[in-house]
Amino acid sequence: MNTKTINIRALAFLGDAVLSLYIREKLLTSGLNHSDVLQKKSIEYVSAKSQRQILDNLIKDNILTEEELSIVKRGRNNKNDNHPKNTDIITYKLSTGFEALLGDLYINNKERLKEILDKIEVR
């Protein structure tokens, strides 16, 4: 499927769900089993601030390809005047770019998606 024809926000929507499910599964397999603790821990990873940090680390470590960075930039540059009050606009835009990348990889390359998600250290 050509994800260039899919609305970038739709890819970010999908990527958000992919990340959330991945984090929740990792937390469950780490031995946590109390729902309140699971919820609080998962928020640590799926917040815009955390997603930006994950993205920054992937870029710093040269993990992402040029094509992947292009998807991140499409997501980041998407015109959206709304953002949560608890984060700045740049962090929000970068996290949207990261989510868009995850959504794109979920559709097109699950093996690469797993490689990238496995770079996230979940404790």
Protein backbone atom coordinates (compact mmCIF):
# COMPACT_ATOMS: atom_id res chain seq x y z
CA MET A 1 0.00 0.00 0.00
CA ASN A 2 1.29 3.44 -0.87
CA THR A 3 1.14 5.34 2.39
CA LYS A 4 1.94 8.63 0.64
CA THR A 5 -1.72 8.69 -0.33
CA ILE A 6 -2.87 8.12 3.27
CA ASN A 7 -3.48 11.19 5.38
CA ILE A 8 -0.45 11.64 7.63
CA ARG A 9 -2.70 12.12 10.65
CA ALA A 10 -4.28 8.74 9.93
CA LEU A 11 -0.82 7.17 9.92
CA ALA A 12 -0.05 8.90 13.24
CA PHE A 13 -3.36 7.63 14.64
CA LEU A 14 -2.39 4.09 13.70
CA GLY A 15 1.18 4.55 14.95
CA ASP A 16 -0.07 5.77 18.32
CA ALA A 17 -2.06 2.56 18.71
CA VAL A 18 0.90 0.42 17.61
CA LEU A 19 3.21 2.06 20.15
CA SER A 20 0.65 1.82 22.93
CA LEU A 21 0.04 -1.88 22.30
CA TYR A 22 3.78 -2.60 22.08
CA ILE A 23 4.49 -0.80 25.38
CA ARG A 24 1.59 -2.47 27.15
CA GLU A 25 2.71 -5.90 26.00
CA LYS A 26 6.29 -5.24 27.11
CA LEU A 27 5.13 -4.05 30.52
CA LEU A 28 2.96 -7.14 30.97
CA THR A 29 5.80 -9.47 30.04
CA SER A 30 8.07 -7.64 32.48
CA GLY A 31 5.97 -8.99 35.34
CA LEU A 32 3.80 -5.98 36.09
CA ASN A 33 0.19 -6.99 36.52
CA HIS A 34 -1.61 -4.28 38.48
CA SER A 35 -3.71 -2.12 36.14
CA ASP A 36 -2.99 1.18 37.93
CA VAL A 37 0.76 0.59 37.77
CA LEU A 38 0.52 -0.57 34.15
CA GLN A 39 -1.40 2.56 33.19
CA LYS A 40 1.06 4.92 34.89
CA LYS A 41 4.10 3.13 33.41
CA SER A 42 2.62 3.06 29.91
CA ILE A 43 2.01 6.82 30.02
CA GLU A 44 5.74 7.28 30.64
CA TYR A 45 6.38 5.84 27.17
CA VAL A 46 3.46 7.02 25.07
CA SER A 47 3.46 10.70 26.06
CA ALA A 48 4.55 13.22 23.44
CA LYS A 49 7.62 14.05 25.52
CA SER A 50 8.69 10.39 25.68
CA GLN A 51 8.02 9.83 22.00
CA ARG A 52 10.16 12.83 21.15
CA GLN A 53 12.98 11.42 23.30
CA ILE A 54 12.70 8.03 21.59
CA LEU A 55 12.79 9.74 18.19
CA ASP A 56 15.74 11.91 19.20
CA ASN A 57 17.66 8.78 20.27
CA LEU A 58 16.86 6.97 17.02
CA ILE A 59 18.12 9.95 15.03
CA LYS A 60 21.20 10.46 17.20
CA ASP A 61 22.12 6.77 16.81
CA ASN A 62 21.57 6.90 13.02
CA ILE A 63 18.94 4.15 13.19
CA LEU A 64 16.47 5.68 10.75
CA THR A 65 16.86 5.57 6.97
CA GLU A 66 16.41 8.65 4.78
CA GLU A 67 12.99 7.35 3.73
CA GLU A 68 11.97 6.92 7.37
CA LEU A 69 13.19 10.41 8.22
CA SER A 70 11.13 11.71 5.31
CA ILE A 71 8.00 10.17 6.83
CA VAL A 72 8.85 11.71 10.21
CA LYS A 73 9.23 15.10 8.52
CA ARG A 74 5.87 14.72 6.75
CA GLY A 75 4.27 14.05 10.11
CA ARG A 76 6.14 16.84 11.82
CA ASN A 77 5.29 19.38 9.14
CA ASN A 78 1.63 18.47 8.97
CA LYS A 79 -0.48 21.56 9.52
CA ASN A 80 -2.24 21.17 12.84
CA ASP A 81 -2.99 24.18 14.98
CA ASN A 82 -4.12 22.09 17.94
CA HIS A 83 -1.81 20.52 20.47
CA PRO A 84 -2.15 19.36 24.05
CA LYS A 85 -1.69 21.99 26.73
CA ASN A 86 0.81 19.84 28.61
CA THR A 87 3.45 19.90 25.87
CA ASP A 88 5.04 22.42 23.53
CA ILE A 89 4.17 22.51 19.84
CA ILE A 90 7.58 21.29 18.66
CA THR A 91 7.49 18.23 20.92
CA TYR A 92 3.94 17.52 19.78
CA LYS A 93 4.87 17.80 16.10
CA LEU A 94 7.92 15.55 16.51
CA SER A 95 5.89 12.95 18.37
CA THR A 96 3.29 13.07 15.58
CA GLY A 97 6.09 12.45 13.08
CA PHE A 98 7.28 9.47 15.09
CA GLU A 99 3.76 8.06 15.30
CA ALA A 100 3.33 8.52 11.54
CA LEU A 101 6.52 6.53 10.98
CA LEU A 102 5.24 3.71 13.17
CA GLY A 103 1.92 3.72 11.31
CA ASP A 104 3.67 3.59 7.95
CA LEU A 105 5.94 0.75 9.05
CA TYR A 106 2.99 -1.18 10.48
CA ILE A 107 1.36 -1.11 7.05
CA ASN A 108 4.47 -1.63 4.92
CA ASN A 109 7.26 -3.28 6.87
CA LYS A 110 6.45 -5.04 10.13
CA GLU A 111 9.95 -6.49 10.36
CA ARG A 112 11.49 -3.01 10.33
CA LEU A 113 8.79 -1.82 12.73
CA LYS A 114 9.86 -4.52 15.18
CA GLU A 115 13.52 -3.50 14.81
CA ILE A 116 12.69 0.09 15.69
CA LEU A 117 10.34 -0.76 18.53
CA ASP A 118 12.92 -3.12 20.00
CA LYS A 119 15.26 -0.12 20.35
CA ILE A 120 12.90 1.26 23.00
CA GLU A 121 14.12 0.23 26.43
CA VAL A 122 11.05 -0.68 28.45
CA ARG A 123 11.62 -1.12 32.18
